[in-house]
PDB file of all heavy atoms in Angstrom:
ATOM      1  N   TRP A   1     -11.145   0.729   2.676  1.00  0.00           N
ATOM      2  CA  TRP A   1     -10.951   0.671   1.229  1.00  0.00           C
ATOM      3  C   TRP A   1     -12.168  -0.007   0.608  1.00  0.00           C
ATOM      4  O   TRP A   1     -12.649  -1.039   1.103  1.00  0.00           O
ATOM      5  CB  TRP A   1      -9.699  -0.114   0.869  1.00  0.00           C
ATOM      6  CG  TRP A   1      -8.416   0.603   1.119  1.00  0.00           C
ATOM      7  CD1 TRP A   1      -7.618   0.509   2.215  1.00  0.00           C
ATOM      8  CD2 TRP A   1      -7.769   1.537   0.245  1.00  0.00           C
ATOM      9  NE1 TRP A   1      -6.522   1.320   2.085  1.00  0.00           N
ATOM     10  CE2 TRP A   1      -6.588   1.965   0.878  1.00  0.00           C
ATOM     11  CE3 TRP A   1      -8.068   2.054  -1.017  1.00  0.00           C
ATOM     12  CZ2 TRP A   1      -5.706   2.887   0.297  1.00  0.00           C
ATOM     13  CZ3 TRP A   1      -7.194   2.976  -1.585  1.00  0.00           C
ATOM     14  CH2 TRP A   1      -6.027   3.379  -0.929  1.00  0.00           C
ATOM     15  N   PHE A   2     -12.627   0.588  -0.466  1.00  0.00           N
ATOM     16  CA  PHE A   2     -13.746   0.048  -1.230  1.00  0.00           C
ATOM     17  C   PHE A   2     -13.336   0.007  -2.700  1.00  0.00           C
ATOM     18  O   PHE A   2     -12.347   0.631  -3.092  1.00  0.00           O
ATOM     19  CB  PHE A   2     -14.991   0.929  -1.066  1.00  0.00           C
ATOM     20  CG  PHE A   2     -15.559   0.913   0.315  1.00  0.00           C
ATOM     21  CD1 PHE A   2     -14.977   1.656   1.337  1.00  0.00           C
ATOM     22  CD2 PHE A   2     -16.680   0.159   0.606  1.00  0.00           C
ATOM     23  CE1 PHE A   2     -15.491   1.635   2.625  1.00  0.00           C
ATOM     24  CE2 PHE A   2     -17.212   0.139   1.894  1.00  0.00           C
ATOM     25  CZ  PHE A   2     -16.612   0.879   2.898  1.00  0.00           C
ATOM     26  N   ARG A   3     -14.104  -0.727  -3.493  1.00  0.00           N
ATOM     27  CA  ARG A   3     -13.817  -0.741  -4.926  1.00  0.00           C
ATOM     28  C   ARG A   3     -15.109  -0.866  -5.705  1.00  0.00           C
ATOM     29  O   ARG A   3     -16.105  -1.366  -5.202  1.00  0.00           O
ATOM     30  CB  ARG A   3     -12.876  -1.892  -5.277  1.00  0.00           C
ATOM     31  CG  ARG A   3     -13.449  -3.291  -5.053  1.00  0.00           C
ATOM     32  CD  ARG A   3     -12.370  -4.339  -5.296  1.00  0.00           C
ATOM     33  NE  ARG A   3     -12.885  -5.693  -5.095  1.00  0.00           N
ATOM     34  CZ  ARG A   3     -12.122  -6.782  -5.110  1.00  0.00           C
ATOM     35  NH1 ARG A   3     -10.806  -6.684  -5.327  1.00  0.00           N
ATOM     36  NH2 ARG A   3     -12.668  -7.969  -4.916  1.00  0.00           N
ATOM     37  N   ARG A   4     -15.039  -0.364  -6.942  1.00  0.00           N
ATOM     38  CA  ARG A   4     -16.185  -0.470  -7.847  1.00  0.00           C
ATOM     39  C   ARG A   4     -15.676  -0.984  -9.178  1.00  0.00           C
ATOM     40  O   ARG A   4     -14.919  -0.287  -9.863  1.00  0.00           O
ATOM     41  CB  ARG A   4     -16.888   0.870  -8.024  1.00  0.00           C
ATOM     42  CG  ARG A   4     -18.182   0.746  -8.826  1.00  0.00           C
ATOM     43  CD  ARG A   4     -18.694   2.101  -9.252  1.00  0.00           C
ATOM     44  NE  ARG A   4     -18.986   2.974  -8.139  1.00  0.00           N
ATOM     45  CZ  ARG A   4     -20.154   3.020  -7.510  1.00  0.00           C
ATOM     46  NH1 ARG A   4     -21.132   2.221  -7.875  1.00  0.00           N
ATOM     47  NH2 ARG A   4     -20.339   3.867  -6.518  1.00  0.00           N
ATOM     48  N   ALA A   5     -16.106  -2.187  -9.519  1.00  0.00           N
ATOM     49  CA  ALA A   5     -15.763  -2.786 -10.813  1.00  0.00           C
ATOM     50  C   ALA A   5     -16.772  -2.296 -11.846  1.00  0.00           C
ATOM     51  O   ALA A   5     -17.875  -1.857 -11.488  1.00  0.00           O
ATOM     52  CB  ALA A   5     -15.796  -4.305 -10.699  1.00  0.00           C
ATOM     53  N   PRO A   6     -16.409  -2.366 -13.119  1.00  0.00           N
ATOM     54  CA  PRO A   6     -17.331  -1.933 -14.167  1.00  0.00           C
ATOM     55  C   PRO A   6     -18.688  -2.623 -14.067  1.00  0.00           C
ATOM     56  O   PRO A   6     -18.759  -3.842 -13.914  1.00  0.00           O
ATOM     57  CB  PRO A   6     -16.606  -2.315 -15.454  1.00  0.00           C
ATOM     58  CG  PRO A   6     -15.164  -2.317 -15.083  1.00  0.00           C
ATOM     59  CD  PRO A   6     -15.107  -2.808 -13.667  1.00  0.00           C
ATOM     60  N   GLU A   7     -19.731  -1.827 -14.089  1.00  0.00           N
ATOM     61  CA  GLU A   7     -21.114  -2.308 -14.072  1.00  0.00           C
ATOM     62  C   GLU A   7     -21.471  -3.083 -12.803  1.00  0.00           C
ATOM     63  O   GLU A   7     -22.400  -3.887 -12.792  1.00  0.00           O
ATOM     64  CB  GLU A   7     -21.399  -3.160 -15.313  1.00  0.00           C
ATOM     65  CG  GLU A   7     -21.187  -2.390 -16.611  1.00  0.00           C
ATOM     66  CD  GLU A   7     -21.507  -3.211 -17.834  1.00  0.00           C
ATOM     67  OE1 GLU A   7     -21.871  -4.386 -17.691  1.00  0.00           O
ATOM     68  OE2 GLU A   7     -21.395  -2.673 -18.939  1.00  0.00           O
ATOM     69  N   LYS A   8     -20.731  -2.829 -11.733  1.00  0.00           N
ATOM     70  CA  LYS A   8     -21.037  -3.467 -10.455  1.00  0.00           C
ATOM     71  C   LYS A   8     -21.155  -2.409  -9.360  1.00  0.00           C
ATOM     72  O   LYS A   8     -20.673  -1.290  -9.508  1.00  0.00           O
ATOM     73  CB  LYS A   8     -19.958  -4.481 -10.078  1.00  0.00           C
ATOM     74  CG  LYS A   8     -19.919  -5.698 -10.975  1.00  0.00           C
ATOM     75  CD  LYS A   8     -18.973  -6.743 -10.430  1.00  0.00           C
ATOM     76  CE  LYS A   8     -18.987  -8.009 -11.279  1.00  0.00           C
ATOM     77  NZ  LYS A   8     -18.061  -9.046 -10.742  1.00  0.00           N
ATOM     78  N   ALA A   9     -21.793  -2.789  -8.290  1.00  0.00           N
ATOM     79  CA  ALA A   9     -21.933  -1.883  -7.164  1.00  0.00           C
ATOM     80  C   ALA A   9     -20.606  -1.763  -6.405  1.00  0.00           C
ATOM     81  O   ALA A   9     -19.756  -2.659  -6.458  1.00  0.00           O
ATOM     82  CB  ALA A   9     -23.025  -2.382  -6.219  1.00  0.00           C
ATOM     83  N   ARG A  10     -20.461  -0.675  -5.706  1.00  0.00           N
ATOM     84  CA  ARG A  10     -19.274  -0.505  -4.865  1.00  0.00           C
ATOM     85  C   ARG A  10     -19.277  -1.567  -3.785  1.00  0.00           C
ATOM     86  O   ARG A  10     -20.327  -1.852  -3.194  1.00  0.00           O
ATOM     87  CB  ARG A  10     -19.288   0.888  -4.257  1.00  0.00           C
ATOM     88  CG  ARG A  10     -18.058   1.222  -3.443  1.00  0.00           C
ATOM     89  CD  ARG A  10     -18.025   2.703  -3.100  1.00  0.00           C
ATOM     90  NE  ARG A  10     -19.170   3.131  -2.332  1.00  0.00           N
ATOM     91  CZ  ARG A  10     -19.486   4.398  -2.122  1.00  0.00           C
ATOM     92  NH1 ARG A  10     -18.741   5.359  -2.639  1.00  0.00           N
ATOM     93  NH2 ARG A  10     -20.549   4.711  -1.402  1.00  0.00           N
ATOM     94  N   GLU A  11     -18.104  -2.122  -3.508  1.00  0.00           N
ATOM     95  CA  GLU A  11     -18.022  -3.164  -2.494  1.00  0.00           C
ATOM     96  C   GLU A  11     -16.884  -2.880  -1.514  1.00  0.00           C
ATOM     97  O   GLU A  11     -15.879  -2.252  -1.855  1.00  0.00           O
ATOM     98  CB  GLU A  11     -17.816  -4.549  -3.116  1.00  0.00           C
ATOM     99  CG  GLU A  11     -16.493  -4.752  -3.803  1.00  0.00           C
ATOM    100  CD  GLU A  11     -16.235  -6.206  -4.176  1.00  0.00           C
ATOM    101  OE1 GLU A  11     -16.932  -7.106  -3.656  1.00  0.00           O
ATOM    102  OE2 GLU A  11     -15.313  -6.443  -4.979  1.00  0.00           O
ATOM    103  N   PHE A  12     -17.083  -3.360  -0.304  1.00  0.00           N
ATOM    104  CA  PHE A  12     -16.086  -3.238   0.747  1.00  0.00           C
ATOM    105  C   PHE A  12     -14.897  -4.140   0.450  1.00  0.00           C
ATOM    106  O   PHE A  12     -15.078  -5.283   0.020  1.00  0.00           O
ATOM    107  CB  PHE A  12     -16.736  -3.636   2.074  1.00  0.00           C
ATOM    108  CG  PHE A  12     -15.787  -3.782   3.226  1.00  0.00           C
ATOM    109  CD1 PHE A  12     -15.308  -2.668   3.892  1.00  0.00           C
ATOM    110  CD2 PHE A  12     -15.378  -5.040   3.638  1.00  0.00           C
ATOM    111  CE1 PHE A  12     -14.443  -2.802   4.956  1.00  0.00           C
ATOM    112  CE2 PHE A  12     -14.512  -5.191   4.709  1.00  0.00           C
ATOM    113  CZ  PHE A  12     -14.041  -4.064   5.367  1.00  0.00           C
ATOM    114  N   VAL A  13     -13.701  -3.629   0.685  1.00  0.00           N
ATOM    115  CA  VAL A  13     -12.485  -4.408   0.517  1.00  0.00           C
ATOM    116  C   VAL A  13     -11.860  -4.717   1.875  1.00  0.00           C
ATOM    117  O   VAL A  13     -11.580  -5.870   2.199  1.00  0.00           O
ATOM    118  CB  VAL A  13     -11.463  -3.670  -0.372  1.00  0.00           C
ATOM    119  CG1 VAL A  13     -10.147  -4.442  -0.428  1.00  0.00           C
ATOM    120  CG2 VAL A  13     -12.029  -3.456  -1.768  1.00  0.00           C
ATOM    121  N   GLY A  14     -11.634  -3.689   2.654  1.00  0.00           N
ATOM    122  CA  GLY A  14     -11.011  -3.888   3.955  1.00  0.00           C
ATOM    123  C   GLY A  14     -11.052  -2.612   4.765  1.00  0.00           C
ATOM    124  O   GLY A  14     -11.357  -1.539   4.237  1.00  0.00           O
ATOM    125  N   ALA A  15     -10.752  -2.739   6.049  1.00  0.00           N
ATOM    126  CA  ALA A  15     -10.803  -1.591   6.937  1.00  0.00           C
ATOM    127  C   ALA A  15      -9.739  -1.713   8.017  1.00  0.00           C
ATOM    128  O   ALA A  15      -9.261  -2.806   8.318  1.00  0.00           O
ATOM    129  CB  ALA A  15     -12.188  -1.471   7.591  1.00  0.00           C
ATOM    130  N   ILE A  16      -9.401  -0.562   8.586  1.00  0.00           N
ATOM    131  CA  ILE A  16      -8.405  -0.533   9.650  1.00  0.00           C
ATOM    132  C   ILE A  16      -8.845   0.483  10.690  1.00  0.00           C
ATOM    133  O   ILE A  16      -9.401   1.536  10.354  1.00  0.00           O
ATOM    134  CB  ILE A  16      -7.003  -0.208   9.087  1.00  0.00           C
ATOM    135  CG1 ILE A  16      -5.931  -0.361  10.160  1.00  0.00           C
ATOM    136  CG2 ILE A  16      -6.965   1.174   8.438  1.00  0.00           C
ATOM    137  CD1 ILE A  16      -4.512  -0.380   9.604  1.00  0.00           C
ATOM    138  N   SER A  17      -8.609   0.160  11.948  1.00  0.00           N
ATOM    139  CA  SER A  17      -8.974   1.061  13.025  1.00  0.00           C
ATOM    140  C   SER A  17      -8.017   2.255  13.082  1.00  0.00           C
ATOM    141  O   SER A  17      -6.953   2.243  12.465  1.00  0.00           O
ATOM    142  CB  SER A  17      -8.940   0.313  14.362  1.00  0.00           C
ATOM    143  OG  SER A  17      -7.627  -0.181  14.617  1.00  0.00           O
ATOM    144  N   GLY A  18      -8.394   3.251  13.851  1.00  0.00           N
ATOM    145  CA  GLY A  18      -7.566   4.447  13.962  1.00  0.00           C
ATOM    146  C   GLY A  18      -6.184   4.169  14.533  1.00  0.00           C
ATOM    147  O   GLY A  18      -5.193   4.775  14.115  1.00  0.00           O
ATOM    148  N   SER A  19      -6.120   3.245  15.464  1.00  0.00           N
ATOM    149  CA  SER A  19      -4.834   2.890  16.064  1.00  0.00           C
ATOM    150  C   SER A  19      -4.010   1.988  15.168  1.00  0.00           C
ATOM    151  O   SER A  19      -2.801   1.843  15.367  1.00  0.00           O
ATOM    152  CB  SER A  19      -5.062   2.196  17.408  1.00  0.00           C
ATOM    153  OG  SER A  19      -5.683   0.942  17.208  1.00  0.00           O
ATOM    154  N   GLY A  20      -4.669   1.337  14.222  1.00  0.00           N
ATOM    155  CA  GLY A  20      -3.990   0.361  13.365  1.00  0.00           C
ATOM    156  C   GLY A  20      -3.960  -1.037  13.944  1.00  0.00           C
ATOM    157  O   GLY A  20      -3.434  -1.955  13.322  1.00  0.00           O
ATOM    158  N   SER A  21      -4.534  -1.224  15.130  1.00  0.00           N
ATOM    159  CA  SER A  21      -4.454  -2.517  15.804  1.00  0.00           C
ATOM    160  C   SER A  21      -5.454  -3.535  15.277  1.00  0.00           C
ATOM    161  O   SER A  21      -5.308  -4.734  15.511  1.00  0.00           O
ATOM    162  CB  SER A  21      -4.675  -2.337  17.304  1.00  0.00           C
ATOM    163  OG  SER A  21      -5.966  -1.798  17.562  1.00  0.00           O
ATOM    164  N   SER A  22      -6.488  -3.053  14.591  1.00  0.00           N
ATOM    165  CA  SER A  22      -7.541  -3.949  14.100  1.00  0.00           C
ATOM    166  C   SER A  22      -7.726  -3.758  12.612  1.00  0.00           C
ATOM    167  O   SER A  22      -7.790  -2.619  12.130  1.00  0.00           O
ATOM    168  CB  SER A  22      -8.863  -3.660  14.805  1.00  0.00           C
ATOM    169  OG  SER A  22      -8.735  -3.794  16.208  1.00  0.00           O
ATOM    170  N   THR A  23      -7.821  -4.887  11.913  1.00  0.00           N
ATOM    171  CA  THR A  23      -8.103  -4.854  10.479  1.00  0.00           C
ATOM    172  C   THR A  23      -9.152  -5.915  10.157  1.00  0.00           C
ATOM    173  O   THR A  23      -9.339  -6.874  10.922  1.00  0.00           O
ATOM    174  CB  THR A  23      -6.849  -5.132   9.629  1.00  0.00           C
ATOM    175  OG1 THR A  23      -6.286  -6.394  10.024  1.00  0.00           O
ATOM    176  CG2 THR A  23      -5.812  -4.033   9.783  1.00  0.00           C
ATOM    177  N   TYR A  24      -9.799  -5.710   9.028  1.00  0.00           N
ATOM    178  CA  TYR A  24     -10.824  -6.659   8.596  1.00  0.00           C
ATOM    179  C   TYR A  24     -10.895  -6.621   7.085  1.00  0.00           C
ATOM    180  O   TYR A  24     -10.758  -5.561   6.483  1.00  0.00           O
ATOM    181  CB  TYR A  24     -12.173  -6.270   9.208  1.00  0.00           C
ATOM    182  CG  TYR A  24     -13.289  -7.253   8.898  1.00  0.00           C
ATOM    183  CD1 TYR A  24     -13.391  -8.443   9.602  1.00  0.00           C
ATOM    184  CD2 TYR A  24     -14.221  -6.979   7.910  1.00  0.00           C
ATOM    185  CE1 TYR A  24     -14.396  -9.345   9.313  1.00  0.00           C
ATOM    186  CE2 TYR A  24     -15.233  -7.873   7.625  1.00  0.00           C
ATOM    187  CZ  TYR A  24     -15.327  -9.051   8.334  1.00  0.00           C
ATOM    188  OH  TYR A  24     -16.325  -9.957   8.063  1.00  0.00           O
ATOM    189  N   TYR A  25     -11.126  -7.797   6.473  1.00  0.00           N
ATOM    190  CA  TYR A  25     -11.127  -7.894   5.020  1.00  0.00           C
ATOM    191  C   TYR A  25     -12.326  -8.671   4.521  1.00  0.00           C
ATOM    192  O   TYR A  25     -12.811  -9.595   5.186  1.00  0.00           O
ATOM    193  CB  TYR A  25      -9.858  -8.608   4.537  1.00  0.00           C
ATOM    194  CG  TYR A  25      -8.576  -7.963   5.003  1.00  0.00           C
ATOM    195  CD1 TYR A  25      -7.964  -8.353   6.182  1.00  0.00           C
ATOM    196  CD2 TYR A  25      -7.979  -6.945   4.255  1.00  0.00           C
ATOM    197  CE1 TYR A  25      -6.800  -7.757   6.627  1.00  0.00           C
ATOM    198  CE2 TYR A  25      -6.805  -6.340   4.689  1.00  0.00           C
ATOM    199  CZ  TYR A  25      -6.227  -6.756   5.872  1.00  0.00           C
ATOM    200  OH  TYR A  25      -5.074  -6.159   6.303  1.00  0.00           O
ATOM    201  N   THR A  26     -12.760  -8.339   3.326  1.00  0.00           N
ATOM    202  CA  THR A  26     -13.749  -9.170   2.693  1.00  0.00           C
ATOM    203  C   THR A  26     -13.103 -10.502   2.298  1.00  0.00           C
ATOM    204  O   THR A  26     -11.880 -10.574   2.071  1.00  0.00           O
ATOM    205  CB  THR A  26     -14.345  -8.465   1.472  1.00  0.00           C
ATOM    206  OG1 THR A  26     -15.501  -9.153   1.026  1.00  0.00           O
ATOM    207  CG2 THR A  26     -13.338  -8.370   0.325  1.00  0.00           C
ATOM    208  N   ASN A  27     -13.900 -11.549   2.231  1.00  0.00           N
ATOM    209  CA  ASN A  27     -13.348 -12.890   2.029  1.00  0.00           C
ATOM    210  C   ASN A  27     -12.523 -13.017   0.750  1.00  0.00           C
ATOM    211  O   ASN A  27     -11.520 -13.735   0.722  1.00  0.00           O
ATOM    212  CB  ASN A  27     -14.469 -13.917   2.011  1.00  0.00           C
ATOM    213  CG  ASN A  27     -15.021 -14.206   3.388  1.00  0.00           C
ATOM    214  OD1 ASN A  27     -14.366 -13.956   4.400  1.00  0.00           O
ATOM    215  ND2 ASN A  27     -16.236 -14.715   3.453  1.00  0.00           N
TER     216      ASN A  27
END
């Protein structure tokens, strides 16, 4: 998942592996 706020660059939000066993988030 990524997001783009007005007048800002797209940023990473979080990710999940194909199995669903691993996730990671921006601080």
